[in-house]
C-alpha atoms as a PDB file:
ATOM      1  CA  UNK A   1      29.625  12.327  -1.528  1.00  0.00           C
ATOM      2  CA  UNK A   2      26.622  14.046  -3.060  1.00  0.00           C
ATOM      3  CA  UNK A   3      23.752  12.220  -4.716  1.00  0.00           C
ATOM      4  CA  UNK A   4      21.509  13.997  -7.212  1.00  0.00           C
ATOM      5  CA  UNK A   5      18.270  12.175  -7.951  1.00  0.00           C
ATOM      6  CA  UNK A   6      16.137  13.113 -10.921  1.00  0.00           C
ATOM      7  CA  UNK A   7      13.585  11.764 -13.370  1.00  0.00           C
ATOM      8  CA  UNK A   8      10.395  11.730 -11.355  1.00  0.00           C
ATOM      9  CA  UNK A   9       7.140  13.049 -12.686  1.00  0.00           C
ATOM     10  CA  UNK A  10       3.504  12.368 -13.396  1.00  0.00           C
ATOM     11  CA  UNK A  11       2.647   9.382 -15.546  1.00  0.00           C
ATOM     12  CA  UNK A  12      -0.462   7.362 -16.289  1.00  0.00           C
ATOM     13  CA  UNK A  13      -0.797   3.793 -15.122  1.00  0.00           C
ATOM     14  CA  UNK A  14       1.035   1.492 -17.498  1.00  0.00           C
ATOM     15  CA  UNK A  15       3.562   4.152 -18.380  1.00  0.00           C
ATOM     16  CA  UNK A  16       7.295   4.316 -17.775  1.00  0.00           C
ATOM     17  CA  UNK A  17       9.826   6.572 -16.103  1.00  0.00           C
ATOM     18  CA  UNK A  18      13.567   6.388 -15.646  1.00  0.00           C
ATOM     19  CA  UNK A  19      15.095   7.726 -12.467  1.00  0.00           C
ATOM     20  CA  UNK A  20      18.731   8.755 -12.282  1.00  0.00           C
ATOM     21  CA  UNK A  21      21.051   9.023  -9.303  1.00  0.00           C
ATOM     22  CA  UNK A  22      24.283  10.842 -10.077  1.00  0.00           C
ATOM     23  CA  UNK A  23      27.074  10.584  -7.525  1.00  0.00           C
ATOM     24  CA  UNK A  24      29.865  13.099  -7.095  1.00  0.00           C
ATOM     25  CA  UNK A  25      32.623  13.735  -4.617  1.00  0.00           C
ATOM     26  CA  UNK A  26      34.828  11.114  -2.949  1.00  0.00           C
ATOM     27  CA  UNK A  27      33.494   8.033  -4.680  1.00  0.00           C
ATOM     28  CA  UNK A  28      34.732   4.540  -3.864  1.00  0.00           C
ATOM     29  CA  UNK A  29      34.660   1.803  -6.465  1.00  0.00           C
ATOM     30  CA  UNK A  30      33.282  -0.657  -3.900  1.00  0.00           C
ATOM     31  CA  UNK A  31      29.762   0.471  -3.186  1.00  0.00           C
ATOM     32  CA  UNK A  32      26.111  -0.407  -3.029  1.00  0.00           C
ATOM     33  CA  UNK A  33      23.511   1.898  -4.547  1.00  0.00           C
ATOM     34  CA  UNK A  34      19.857   1.448  -3.747  1.00  0.00           C
ATOM     35  CA  UNK A  35      16.548   3.048  -4.490  1.00  0.00           C
ATOM     36  CA  UNK A  36      14.036   3.455  -1.694  1.00  0.00           C
ATOM     37  CA  UNK A  37      10.572   4.932  -1.801  1.00  0.00           C
ATOM     38  CA  UNK A  38       8.189   6.427   0.684  1.00  0.00           C
ATOM     39  CA  UNK A  39       4.504   6.788  -0.002  1.00  0.00           C
ATOM     40  CA  UNK A  40       2.328   9.175   2.014  1.00  0.00           C
ATOM     41  CA  UNK A  41       1.614   7.749   5.438  1.00  0.00           C
ATOM     42  CA  UNK A  42       3.898   4.770   4.920  1.00  0.00           C
ATOM     43  CA  UNK A  43       7.398   3.826   5.953  1.00  0.00           C
ATOM     44  CA  UNK A  44      10.309   4.080   3.578  1.00  0.00           C
ATOM     45  CA  UNK A  45      10.864   0.794   1.767  1.00  0.00           C
ATOM     46  CA  UNK A  46      13.690  -0.668  -0.249  1.00  0.00           C
ATOM     47  CA  UNK A  47      12.875  -0.924  -3.940  1.00  0.00           C
ATOM     48  CA  UNK A  48      16.079  -2.145  -5.548  1.00  0.00           C
ATOM     49  CA  UNK A  49      19.792  -2.569  -4.907  1.00  0.00           C
ATOM     50  CA  UNK A  50      22.836  -2.725  -7.161  1.00  0.00           C
ATOM     51  CA  UNK A  51      26.358  -3.568  -6.057  1.00  0.00           C
ATOM     52  CA  UNK A  52      29.576  -2.616  -7.814  1.00  0.00           C
ATOM     53  CA  UNK A  53      29.941  -6.293  -8.773  1.00  0.00           C
ATOM     54  CA  UNK A  54      26.612  -6.263 -10.575  1.00  0.00           C
ATOM     55  CA  UNK A  55      24.501  -7.976  -7.963  1.00  0.00           C
ATOM     56  CA  UNK A  56      20.905  -6.789  -8.102  1.00  0.00           C
ATOM     57  CA  UNK A  57      17.873  -7.290  -5.921  1.00  0.00           C
ATOM     58  CA  UNK A  58      14.298  -6.092  -6.125  1.00  0.00           C
ATOM     59  CA  UNK A  59      11.292  -5.818  -3.893  1.00  0.00           C
ATOM     60  CA  UNK A  60       8.684  -8.398  -4.782  1.00  0.00           C
ATOM     61  CA  UNK A  61       6.213  -5.654  -5.686  1.00  0.00           C
ATOM     62  CA  UNK A  62       8.434  -4.304  -8.487  1.00  0.00           C
ATOM     63  CA  UNK A  63      10.204  -7.435  -9.713  1.00  0.00           C
ATOM     64  CA  UNK A  64       9.720  -7.850 -13.437  1.00  0.00           C
ATOM     65  CA  UNK A  65       8.716  -4.202 -13.892  1.00  0.00           C
ATOM     66  CA  UNK A  66      11.724  -2.234 -12.599  1.00  0.00           C
ATOM     67  CA  UNK A  67      15.347  -2.568 -13.672  1.00  0.00           C
ATOM     68  CA  UNK A  68      18.339  -1.076 -11.901  1.00  0.00           C
ATOM     69  CA  UNK A  69      21.504  -0.372 -13.859  1.00  0.00           C
ATOM     70  CA  UNK A  70      24.526   1.876 -13.811  1.00  0.00           C
ATOM     71  CA  UNK A  71      26.855   3.865 -16.023  1.00  0.00           C
ATOM     72  CA  UNK A  72      30.237   3.883 -14.296  1.00  0.00           C
ATOM     73  CA  UNK A  73      31.616   6.531 -16.649  1.00  0.00           C
ATOM     74  CA  UNK A  74      28.926   8.897 -15.402  1.00  0.00           C
ATOM     75  CA  UNK A  75      28.848   7.644 -11.807  1.00  0.00           C
ATOM     76  CA  UNK A  76      25.130   7.287 -12.288  1.00  0.00           C
ATOM     77  CA  UNK A  77      22.669   4.591 -11.295  1.00  0.00           C
ATOM     78  CA  UNK A  78      19.337   4.320 -13.064  1.00  0.00           C
ATOM     79  CA  UNK A  79      15.993   2.834 -12.156  1.00  0.00           C
ATOM     80  CA  UNK A  80      13.916   2.024 -15.212  1.00  0.00           C
ATOM     81  CA  UNK A  81      10.300   1.706 -14.140  1.00  0.00           C
ATOM     82  CA  UNK A  82       7.860   0.115 -16.565  1.00  0.00           C
ATOM     83  CA  UNK A  83       4.184  -0.759 -16.284  1.00  0.00           C
ATOM     84  CA  UNK A  84       3.801   1.703 -13.452  1.00  0.00           C
ATOM     85  CA  UNK A  85       0.867   1.313 -11.102  1.00  0.00           C
ATOM     86  CA  UNK A  86      -0.866   3.840  -8.853  1.00  0.00           C
ATOM     87  CA  UNK A  87       0.619   2.058  -5.848  1.00  0.00           C
ATOM     88  CA  UNK A  88       4.086   3.003  -7.127  1.00  0.00           C
ATOM     89  CA  UNK A  89       3.314   6.616  -6.276  1.00  0.00           C
ATOM     90  CA  UNK A  90       5.931   7.782  -3.784  1.00  0.00           C
ATOM     91  CA  UNK A  91       8.985   9.905  -3.268  1.00  0.00           C
ATOM     92  CA  UNK A  92      11.944   7.895  -4.503  1.00  0.00           C
ATOM     93  CA  UNK A  93      15.321   8.269  -2.817  1.00  0.00           C
ATOM     94  CA  UNK A  94      18.686   6.983  -3.907  1.00  0.00           C
ATOM     95  CA  UNK A  95      21.095   5.706  -1.314  1.00  0.00           C
ATOM     96  CA  UNK A  96      24.776   4.886  -1.566  1.00  0.00           C
ATOM     97  CA  UNK A  97      26.842   2.876   0.869  1.00  0.00           C
ATOM     98  CA  UNK A  98      30.622   2.839   0.640  1.00  0.00           C
ATOM     99  CA  UNK A  99      33.032   1.999   3.379  1.00  0.00           C
ATOM    100  CA  UNK A 100      31.351   2.767   6.673  1.00  0.00           C
ATOM    101  CA  UNK A 101      29.360   5.661   5.265  1.00  0.00           C
ATOM    102  CA  UNK A 102      25.891   6.046   3.855  1.00  0.00           C
ATOM    103  CA  UNK A 103      24.549   8.860   1.719  1.00  0.00           C
ATOM    104  CA  UNK A 104      21.080   9.898   0.586  1.00  0.00           C
ATOM    105  CA  UNK A 105      19.839  11.884  -2.358  1.00  0.00           C
ATOM    106  CA  UNK A 106      17.136  14.506  -2.022  1.00  0.00           C
ATOM    107  CA  UNK A 107      14.255  12.437  -3.394  1.00  0.00           C
ATOM    108  CA  UNK A 108      12.247  12.668  -6.565  1.00  0.00           C
ATOM    109  CA  UNK A 109       8.459  12.415  -6.687  1.00  0.00           C
ATOM    110  CA  UNK A 110       6.779   9.807  -8.850  1.00  0.00           C
ATOM    111  CA  UNK A 111       3.022  10.100  -9.268  1.00  0.00           C
ATOM    112  CA  UNK A 112       1.100   7.445 -11.167  1.00  0.00           C
ATOM    113  CA  UNK A 113      -2.473   8.285 -12.080  1.00  0.00           C
ATOM    114  CA  UNK A 114      -5.115   5.633 -12.634  1.00  0.00           C
END
């Protein structure tokens, strides 16, 4: 399974970005896709999770501002990020778990200026 993350960029505080994570290869219908982020000098943290059944979860710091969704026809999971804050600046990684395996995308940089 390959994960292609995209959509990062530079945005001013209060702005929005939408990240995409496109999966290809041997894809299972039962899966969990998550977005993680890692800011400079900090540990990687879980931002949001989406299961194939539609269950979602969010870190407290992004709840109400970020929305995770998917397009099954495109095998793509999105992270809509609104009202971005400078503390959201990080490299964002998508992660997919299916069966006993776990896969990571290459990361996309989000920079929020104040």
